[in-house]
PDB file of N, CA and C in Angstrom:
ATOM      1  N   MET A   1      -2.360  12.635   8.914  1.00  0.00           N
ATOM      2  CA  MET A   1      -1.934  13.256   7.586  1.00  0.00           C
ATOM      3  C   MET A   1      -1.299  12.080   6.990  1.00  0.00           C
ATOM      4  N   PHE A   2      -1.727  11.994   5.771  1.00  0.00           N
ATOM      5  CA  PHE A   2      -0.915  11.004   4.896  1.00  0.00           C
ATOM      6  C   PHE A   2      -1.289  11.383   3.343  1.00  0.00           C
ATOM      7  N   GLU A   3      -0.601  10.777   2.323  1.00  0.00           N
ATOM      8  CA  GLU A   3      -0.918  11.069   1.054  1.00  0.00           C
ATOM      9  C   GLU A   3      -0.963   9.759   0.433  1.00  0.00           C
ATOM     10  N   GLY A   4      -1.745   9.775  -0.745  1.00  0.00           N
ATOM     11  CA  GLY A   4      -1.922   8.488  -1.486  1.00  0.00           C
ATOM     12  C   GLY A   4      -2.541   8.823  -2.743  1.00  0.00           C
ATOM     13  N   VAL A   5      -2.680   7.609  -3.482  1.00  0.00           N
ATOM     14  CA  VAL A   5      -3.313   7.722  -4.899  1.00  0.00           C
ATOM     15  C   VAL A   5      -4.459   6.728  -4.978  1.00  0.00           C
ATOM     16  N   ALA A   6      -5.415   7.010  -6.122  1.00  0.00           N
ATOM     17  CA  ALA A   6      -6.405   5.934  -6.371  1.00  0.00           C
ATOM     18  C   ALA A   6      -6.111   5.492  -7.758  1.00  0.00           C
ATOM     19  N   ILE A   7      -6.014   4.146  -7.845  1.00  0.00           N
ATOM     20  CA  ILE A   7      -5.713   3.420  -9.010  1.00  0.00           C
ATOM     21  C   ILE A   7      -7.052   2.795  -9.689  1.00  0.00           C
ATOM     22  N   MET A   8      -7.295   3.172 -10.941  1.00  0.00           N
ATOM     23  CA  MET A   8      -8.433   2.483 -11.375  1.00  0.00           C
ATOM     24  C   MET A   8      -8.056   1.899 -12.907  1.00  0.00           C
ATOM     25  N   THR A   9      -8.645   0.743 -13.192  1.00  0.00           N
ATOM     26  CA  THR A   9      -8.504   0.112 -14.467  1.00  0.00           C
ATOM     27  C   THR A   9      -9.974   0.123 -15.077  1.00  0.00           C
ATOM     28  N   LEU A  10      -9.960   0.738 -16.295  1.00  0.00           N
ATOM     29  CA  LEU A  10     -11.196   1.117 -17.084  1.00  0.00           C
ATOM     30  C   LEU A  10     -11.393  -0.086 -18.193  1.00  0.00           C
ATOM     31  N   ARG A  11     -12.606  -0.473 -18.152  1.00  0.00           N
ATOM     32  CA  ARG A  11     -13.105  -1.509 -19.384  1.00  0.00           C
ATOM     33  C   ARG A  11     -14.389  -0.955 -19.885  1.00  0.00           C
ATOM     34  N   ASP A  12     -14.385  -0.597 -21.057  1.00  0.00           N
ATOM     35  CA  ASP A  12     -15.656  -0.258 -21.941  1.00  0.00           C
ATOM     36  C   ASP A  12     -16.157   1.102 -21.118  1.00  0.00           C
ATOM     37  N   GLY A  13     -15.335   1.910 -20.707  1.00  0.00           N
ATOM     38  CA  GLY A  13     -15.648   3.337 -20.142  1.00  0.00           C
ATOM     39  C   GLY A  13     -16.233   3.087 -18.838  1.00  0.00           C
ATOM     40  N   ARG A  14     -15.957   2.048 -18.055  1.00  0.00           N
ATOM     41  CA  ARG A  14     -16.513   1.871 -16.608  1.00  0.00           C
ATOM     42  C   ARG A  14     -15.372   1.246 -15.844  1.00  0.00           C
ATOM     43  N   ILE A  15     -15.361   1.722 -14.569  1.00  0.00           N
ATOM     44  CA  ILE A  15     -14.247   1.263 -13.624  1.00  0.00           C
ATOM     45  C   ILE A  15     -14.570  -0.381 -13.462  1.00  0.00           C
ATOM     46  N   ALA A  16     -13.398  -0.935 -13.870  1.00  0.00           N
ATOM     47  CA  ALA A  16     -13.428  -2.674 -13.660  1.00  0.00           C
ATOM     48  C   ALA A  16     -12.736  -2.901 -12.385  1.00  0.00           C
ATOM     49  N   GLU A  17     -11.670  -2.120 -12.002  1.00  0.00           N
ATOM     50  CA  GLU A  17     -10.925  -2.380 -10.767  1.00  0.00           C
ATOM     51  C   GLU A  17     -10.565  -1.146 -10.057  1.00  0.00           C
ATOM     52  N   TYR A  18     -10.549  -0.993  -8.782  1.00  0.00           N
ATOM     53  CA  TYR A  18     -10.233   0.098  -7.984  1.00  0.00           C
ATOM     54  C   TYR A  18      -9.469  -0.273  -6.896  1.00  0.00           C
ATOM     55  N   HIS A  19      -8.540   0.441  -6.554  1.00  0.00           N
ATOM     56  CA  HIS A  19      -7.834   0.210  -5.171  1.00  0.00           C
ATOM     57  C   HIS A  19      -7.100   1.637  -5.004  1.00  0.00           C
ATOM     58  N   GLU A  20      -6.749   1.680  -3.640  1.00  0.00           N
ATOM     59  CA  GLU A  20      -5.990   2.965  -3.191  1.00  0.00           C
ATOM     60  C   GLU A  20      -4.668   2.461  -2.526  1.00  0.00           C
ATOM     61  N   VAL A  21      -3.824   3.472  -2.776  1.00  0.00           N
ATOM     62  CA  VAL A  21      -2.283   3.240  -2.215  1.00  0.00           C
ATOM     63  C   VAL A  21      -2.065   4.425  -1.228  1.00  0.00           C
ATOM     64  N   ALA A  22      -1.767   4.229  -0.115  1.00  0.00           N
ATOM     65  CA  ALA A  22      -1.452   5.335   0.856  1.00  0.00           C
ATOM     66  C   ALA A  22      -0.177   5.129   1.589  1.00  0.00           C
ATOM     67  N   ASN A  23       0.659   6.155   1.657  1.00  0.00           N
ATOM     68  CA  ASN A  23       1.682   6.125   2.683  1.00  0.00           C
ATOM     69  C   ASN A  23       1.201   6.734   3.888  1.00  0.00           C
ATOM     70  N   ALA A  24       0.864   5.668   4.857  1.00  0.00           N
ATOM     71  CA  ALA A  24       0.370   6.136   6.300  1.00  0.00           C
ATOM     72  C   ALA A  24       1.312   6.378   7.294  1.00  0.00           C
ATOM     73  N   VAL A  25       2.478   6.089   6.979  1.00  0.00           N
ATOM     74  CA  VAL A  25       3.494   6.286   7.972  1.00  0.00           C
ATOM     75  C   VAL A  25       3.633   7.421   8.778  1.00  0.00           C
ATOM     76  N   THR A  26       3.313   8.610   8.012  1.00  0.00           N
ATOM     77  CA  THR A  26       3.327   9.798   8.819  1.00  0.00           C
ATOM     78  C   THR A  26       2.322   9.927   9.704  1.00  0.00           C
ATOM     79  N   GLY A  27       0.932   9.341   9.316  1.00  0.00           N
ATOM     80  CA  GLY A  27      -0.035   9.344  10.174  1.00  0.00           C
ATOM     81  C   GLY A  27       0.400   8.493  11.552  1.00  0.00           C
ATOM     82  N   LEU A  28       0.835   7.445  11.391  1.00  0.00           N
ATOM     83  CA  LEU A  28       1.244   6.555  12.561  1.00  0.00           C
ATOM     84  C   LEU A  28       2.261   7.388  13.411  1.00  0.00           C
ATOM     85  N   VAL A  29       3.234   8.066  12.975  1.00  0.00           N
ATOM     86  CA  VAL A  29       4.017   8.899  13.651  1.00  0.00           C
ATOM     87  C   VAL A  29       3.292   9.899  14.461  1.00  0.00           C
ATOM     88  N   ASP A  30       2.409  10.538  13.636  1.00  0.00           N
ATOM     89  CA  ASP A  30       1.419  11.605  14.478  1.00  0.00           C
ATOM     90  C   ASP A  30       0.638  11.158  15.555  1.00  0.00           C
ATOM     91  N   MET A  31       0.366   9.840  15.334  1.00  0.00           N
ATOM     92  CA  MET A  31      -0.511   9.207  16.523  1.00  0.00           C
ATOM     93  C   MET A  31       0.341   8.594  17.670  1.00  0.00           C
ATOM     94  N   ASN A  32       1.842   8.976  17.523  1.00  0.00           N
ATOM     95  CA  ASN A  32       2.663   8.318  18.574  1.00  0.00           C
ATOM     96  C   ASN A  32       2.828   6.811  18.618  1.00  0.00           C
ATOM     97  N   PHE A  33       2.629   6.127  17.428  1.00  0.00           N
ATOM     98  CA  PHE A  33       3.009   4.791  17.441  1.00  0.00           C
ATOM     99  C   PHE A  33       4.354   4.469  17.716  1.00  0.00           C
ATOM    100  N   ALA A  34       4.783   3.440  18.507  1.00  0.00           N
ATOM    101  CA  ALA A  34       6.092   3.123  18.786  1.00  0.00           C
ATOM    102  C   ALA A  34       6.948   2.789  17.348  1.00  0.00           C
ATOM    103  N   PRO A  35       8.142   3.209  17.188  1.00  0.00           N
ATOM    104  CA  PRO A  35       8.772   2.883  15.954  1.00  0.00           C
ATOM    105  C   PRO A  35       8.789   1.288  15.696  1.00  0.00           C
ATOM    106  N   GLU A  36       8.883   0.513  16.757  1.00  0.00           N
ATOM    107  CA  GLU A  36       9.026  -1.021  16.528  1.00  0.00           C
ATOM    108  C   GLU A  36       7.504  -1.562  15.784  1.00  0.00           C
ATOM    109  N   ARG A  37       6.460  -0.668  16.288  1.00  0.00           N
ATOM    110  CA  ARG A  37       5.229  -1.194  15.666  1.00  0.00           C
ATOM    111  C   ARG A  37       5.000  -0.732  14.337  1.00  0.00           C
ATOM    112  N   ILE A  38       5.631   0.483  13.981  1.00  0.00           N
ATOM    113  CA  ILE A  38       5.617   0.947  12.735  1.00  0.00           C
ATOM    114  C   ILE A  38       6.324   0.144  11.632  1.00  0.00           C
ATOM    115  N   SER A  39       7.438  -0.382  12.258  1.00  0.00           N
ATOM    116  CA  SER A  39       8.354  -1.382  11.440  1.00  0.00           C
ATOM    117  C   SER A  39       7.615  -2.715  11.280  1.00  0.00           C
ATOM    118  N   ARG A  40       6.811  -3.016  12.111  1.00  0.00           N
ATOM    119  CA  ARG A  40       6.040  -4.389  11.943  1.00  0.00           C
ATOM    120  C   ARG A  40       4.864  -4.216  10.892  1.00  0.00           C
ATOM    121  N   ILE A  41       4.410  -3.071  11.038  1.00  0.00           N
ATOM    122  CA  ILE A  41       3.239  -2.721  10.160  1.00  0.00           C
ATOM    123  C   ILE A  41       3.729  -2.617   8.669  1.00  0.00           C
ATOM    124  N   ALA A  42       4.982  -1.838   8.598  1.00  0.00           N
ATOM    125  CA  ALA A  42       5.570  -1.844   7.294  1.00  0.00           C
ATOM    126  C   ALA A  42       5.899  -3.028   6.674  1.00  0.00           C
ATOM    127  N   ALA A  43       6.581  -4.055   7.388  1.00  0.00           N
ATOM    128  CA  ALA A  43       6.974  -5.144   6.941  1.00  0.00           C
ATOM    129  C   ALA A  43       5.683  -6.002   6.638  1.00  0.00           C
ATOM    130  N   LYS A  44       4.916  -6.046   7.262  1.00  0.00           N
ATOM    131  CA  LYS A  44       3.442  -6.792   6.992  1.00  0.00           C
ATOM    132  C   LYS A  44       2.968  -6.235   5.588  1.00  0.00           C
ATOM    133  N   HIS A  45       2.851  -5.047   5.362  1.00  0.00           N
ATOM    134  CA  HIS A  45       2.487  -4.467   4.079  1.00  0.00           C
ATOM    135  C   HIS A  45       3.444  -4.747   2.957  1.00  0.00           C
ATOM    136  N   GLY A  46       4.780  -4.720   3.213  1.00  0.00           N
ATOM    137  CA  GLY A  46       5.723  -5.172   2.232  1.00  0.00           C
ATOM    138  C   GLY A  46       5.577  -6.490   1.796  1.00  0.00           C
ATOM    139  N   ALA A  47       5.451  -7.435   2.705  1.00  0.00           N
ATOM    140  CA  ALA A  47       5.195  -8.908   2.386  1.00  0.00           C
ATOM    141  C   ALA A  47       4.065  -9.225   1.582  1.00  0.00           C
ATOM    142  N   ALA A  48       2.789  -8.443   1.905  1.00  0.00           N
ATOM    143  CA  ALA A  48       1.610  -8.458   1.087  1.00  0.00           C
ATOM    144  C   ALA A  48       1.895  -8.002  -0.339  1.00  0.00           C
ATOM    145  N   LEU A  49       2.608  -6.915  -0.495  1.00  0.00           N
ATOM    146  CA  LEU A  49       3.088  -6.387  -1.746  1.00  0.00           C
ATOM    147  C   LEU A  49       3.662  -7.457  -2.513  1.00  0.00           C
ATOM    148  N   LYS A  50       4.692  -8.025  -1.930  1.00  0.00           N
ATOM    149  CA  LYS A  50       5.501  -8.844  -2.567  1.00  0.00           C
ATOM    150  C   LYS A  50       4.859 -10.132  -3.027  1.00  0.00           C
ATOM    151  N   ALA A  51       3.801 -10.526  -2.292  1.00  0.00           N
ATOM    152  CA  ALA A  51       2.840 -11.688  -2.527  1.00  0.00           C
ATOM    153  C   ALA A  51       2.077 -11.516  -3.709  1.00  0.00           C
ATOM    154  N   ARG A  52       1.844 -10.243  -4.178  1.00  0.00           N
ATOM    155  CA  ARG A  52       0.887 -10.140  -5.321  1.00  0.00           C
ATOM    156  C   ARG A  52       1.342 -10.687  -6.536  1.00  0.00           C
ATOM    157  N   PRO A  53       0.691 -11.422  -7.507  1.00  0.00           N
ATOM    158  CA  PRO A  53       1.269 -12.015  -8.671  1.00  0.00           C
ATOM    159  C   PRO A  53       1.996 -10.965  -9.614  1.00  0.00           C
ATOM    160  N   GLU A  54       1.479  -9.814  -9.716  1.00  0.00           N
ATOM    161  CA  GLU A  54       2.114  -8.914 -10.701  1.00  0.00           C
ATOM    162  C   GLU A  54       3.547  -8.338 -10.137  1.00  0.00           C
ATOM    163  N   MET A  55       3.891  -8.654  -9.023  1.00  0.00           N
ATOM    164  CA  MET A  55       5.225  -8.454  -8.445  1.00  0.00           C
ATOM    165  C   MET A  55       6.218  -9.355  -8.737  1.00  0.00           C
ATOM    166  N   ALA A  56       5.853 -10.691  -9.065  1.00  0.00           N
ATOM    167  CA  ALA A  56       6.796 -11.784  -9.302  1.00  0.00           C
ATOM    168  C   ALA A  56       8.026 -11.219 -10.219  1.00  0.00           C
ATOM    169  N   ARG A  57       7.727 -10.652 -11.345  1.00  0.00           N
ATOM    170  CA  ARG A  57       8.944 -10.350 -12.129  1.00  0.00           C
ATOM    171  C   ARG A  57       9.935  -9.253 -11.645  1.00  0.00           C
ATOM    172  N   HIS A  58       9.415  -8.625 -10.762  1.00  0.00           N
ATOM    173  CA  HIS A  58      10.336  -7.683  -9.921  1.00  0.00           C
ATOM    174  C   HIS A  58      11.130  -8.235  -8.943  1.00  0.00           C
ATOM    175  N   LEU A  59      10.909  -9.426  -8.488  1.00  0.00           N
ATOM    176  CA  LEU A  59      11.649 -10.123  -7.469  1.00  0.00           C
ATOM    177  C   LEU A  59      12.642 -11.100  -7.627  1.00  0.00           C
ATOM    178  N   VAL A  60      12.933 -11.170  -9.309  1.00  0.00           N
ATOM    179  CA  VAL A  60      13.872 -12.247  -9.612  1.00  0.00           C
ATOM    180  C   VAL A  60      15.167 -11.950  -9.158  1.00  0.00           C
TER     181      VAL A  60
END
C-alpha cells in the first residue's frame, strides 16, 4: 500500500511531461524490508531529488 500523485505539464492542450511521485515507504514496511535497507533507499531517492536542476534554488 502506498500513496502518490501524477504530475503533468500541458502544452497546447497536450501532455508534454508526465511523472509520478509516490511515498512507497509504507509498502516497503509491509513487505518486511529491514529498516537499514529502507534508509538506504530513502537516501538514494533524496540524493536524486537534490540533483534535479529545479531543486538548486532550494538548497542554498
